[in-house]
Amino acid sequence: MLNLTPFEETTSFKKAMQKVLPEELQKDRIGLLIKLISRKYHFARSTLVKLDIRLRQLTLKDLENLFEAIFDLSTLRELNAWIDSRLPAQNDPSQLANLQN
């Protein structure tokens, strides 16, 4: 008799989920952060789109930390500085000026 292993228990499935799961978590967290930021700051749609692009460059851990930090940040400049401090060094800090309303 042939015993089949459920797909969820296979090595292939587990490897695929290790890659897909963090990407999905990142998308979910970015979506929630954009909603929270939009509600708190009332930024223009164009600013939120630019923030979305910048948030995609952060690690999952940084996104989780931003959920807590967002309550202490009162301006767009502070938010951008927080993001800049966590982005890889190759990014240009002059991006701050591009995010003003």
Protein backbone atom coordinates (compact mmCIF):
# COMPACT_ATOMS: atom_id res chain seq x y z
CA MET A 1 0.00 0.00 0.00
CA LEU A 2 1.29 3.41 -0.93
CA ASN A 3 1.27 6.08 1.79
CA LEU A 4 1.25 9.65 0.55
CA THR A 5 2.62 12.51 2.62
CA PRO A 6 0.33 15.54 2.85
CA PHE A 7 1.74 18.40 0.78
CA GLU A 8 1.96 20.67 3.84
CA GLU A 9 4.42 18.25 5.43
CA THR A 10 6.81 18.07 2.49
CA THR A 11 10.19 19.78 2.40
CA SER A 12 9.23 21.65 -0.77
CA PHE A 13 6.17 23.17 0.84
CA LYS A 14 8.08 24.18 3.97
CA LYS A 15 10.83 25.86 1.90
CA ALA A 16 8.25 27.72 -0.16
CA MET A 17 6.43 28.91 2.93
CA GLN A 18 9.65 30.20 4.49
CA LYS A 19 10.01 32.49 1.50
CA VAL A 20 6.38 33.47 0.96
CA LEU A 21 5.33 33.99 4.56
CA PRO A 22 7.72 36.88 5.38
CA GLU A 23 6.78 38.65 2.13
CA GLU A 24 3.08 38.35 2.94
CA LEU A 25 3.66 39.52 6.51
CA GLN A 26 5.60 42.50 5.21
CA LYS A 27 2.77 43.45 2.82
CA ASP A 28 0.20 43.13 5.61
CA ARG A 29 2.23 45.25 8.01
CA ILE A 30 2.91 47.92 5.40
CA GLY A 31 -0.80 48.10 4.58
CA LEU A 32 -1.70 48.51 8.24
CA LEU A 33 1.04 51.09 8.79
CA ILE A 34 -0.13 53.14 5.81
CA LYS A 35 -3.67 53.14 7.24
CA LEU A 36 -2.40 54.16 10.67
CA ILE A 37 -0.13 56.87 9.24
CA SER A 38 -2.92 58.16 7.02
CA ARG A 39 -5.30 58.42 9.94
CA LYS A 40 -2.78 60.06 12.27
CA TYR A 41 -1.16 62.56 9.90
CA HIS A 42 -3.74 63.09 7.13
CA PHE A 43 -1.01 63.14 4.45
CA ALA A 44 -1.78 63.59 0.78
CA ARG A 45 -2.21 60.38 -1.24
CA SER A 46 1.05 61.07 -3.12
CA THR A 47 2.96 61.24 0.18
CA LEU A 48 1.45 57.93 1.30
CA VAL A 49 2.50 56.30 -1.97
CA LYS A 50 6.07 57.51 -1.46
CA LEU A 51 6.02 56.28 2.14
CA ASP A 52 4.77 52.89 0.95
CA ILE A 53 7.79 52.61 -1.36
CA ARG A 54 10.17 53.51 1.46
CA LEU A 55 8.51 51.15 3.95
CA ARG A 56 9.04 48.25 1.51
CA GLN A 57 12.79 48.72 2.02
CA LEU A 58 12.54 48.06 5.76
CA THR A 59 12.94 44.68 7.41
CA LEU A 60 9.98 42.91 8.97
CA LYS A 61 11.43 43.65 12.41
CA ASP A 62 11.74 47.38 11.60
CA LEU A 63 8.11 47.45 10.44
CA GLU A 64 7.05 45.87 13.72
CA ASN A 65 9.08 48.44 15.65
CA LEU A 66 7.47 51.27 13.69
CA PHE A 67 4.05 50.24 15.02
CA GLU A 68 5.26 51.25 18.47
CA ALA A 69 7.37 54.22 17.39
CA ILE A 70 4.58 55.82 15.36
CA PHE A 71 2.94 57.12 18.54
CA ASP A 72 6.07 59.10 19.46
CA LEU A 73 6.61 60.60 16.00
CA SER A 74 4.72 63.84 15.52
CA THR A 75 5.86 65.11 12.11
CA LEU A 76 6.67 63.81 8.65
CA ARG A 77 10.28 64.88 9.21
CA GLU A 78 10.51 62.69 12.34
CA LEU A 79 8.90 59.76 10.51
CA ASN A 80 11.34 60.11 7.62
CA ALA A 81 14.30 60.36 10.00
CA TRP A 82 13.16 57.18 11.74
CA ILE A 83 12.89 55.35 8.41
CA ASP A 84 16.23 56.76 7.18
CA SER A 85 17.99 55.52 10.31
CA ARG A 86 16.95 51.97 9.45
CA LEU A 87 17.48 51.94 5.69
CA PRO A 88 20.65 50.50 4.22
CA ALA A 89 23.53 52.99 3.96
CA GLN A 90 23.39 53.25 0.17
CA ASN A 91 20.14 55.23 0.29
CA ASP A 92 20.37 58.97 -0.13
CA PRO A 93 19.14 61.02 2.88
CA SER A 94 18.05 63.76 0.49
CA GLN A 95 14.87 61.71 -0.03
CA LEU A 96 13.44 63.58 2.97
CA ALA A 97 12.75 66.63 0.84
CA ASN A 98 10.91 64.54 -1.74
CA LEU A 99 8.28 63.42 0.76
CA GLN A 100 7.01 66.84 1.79
CA ASN A 101 3.33 67.49 0.96
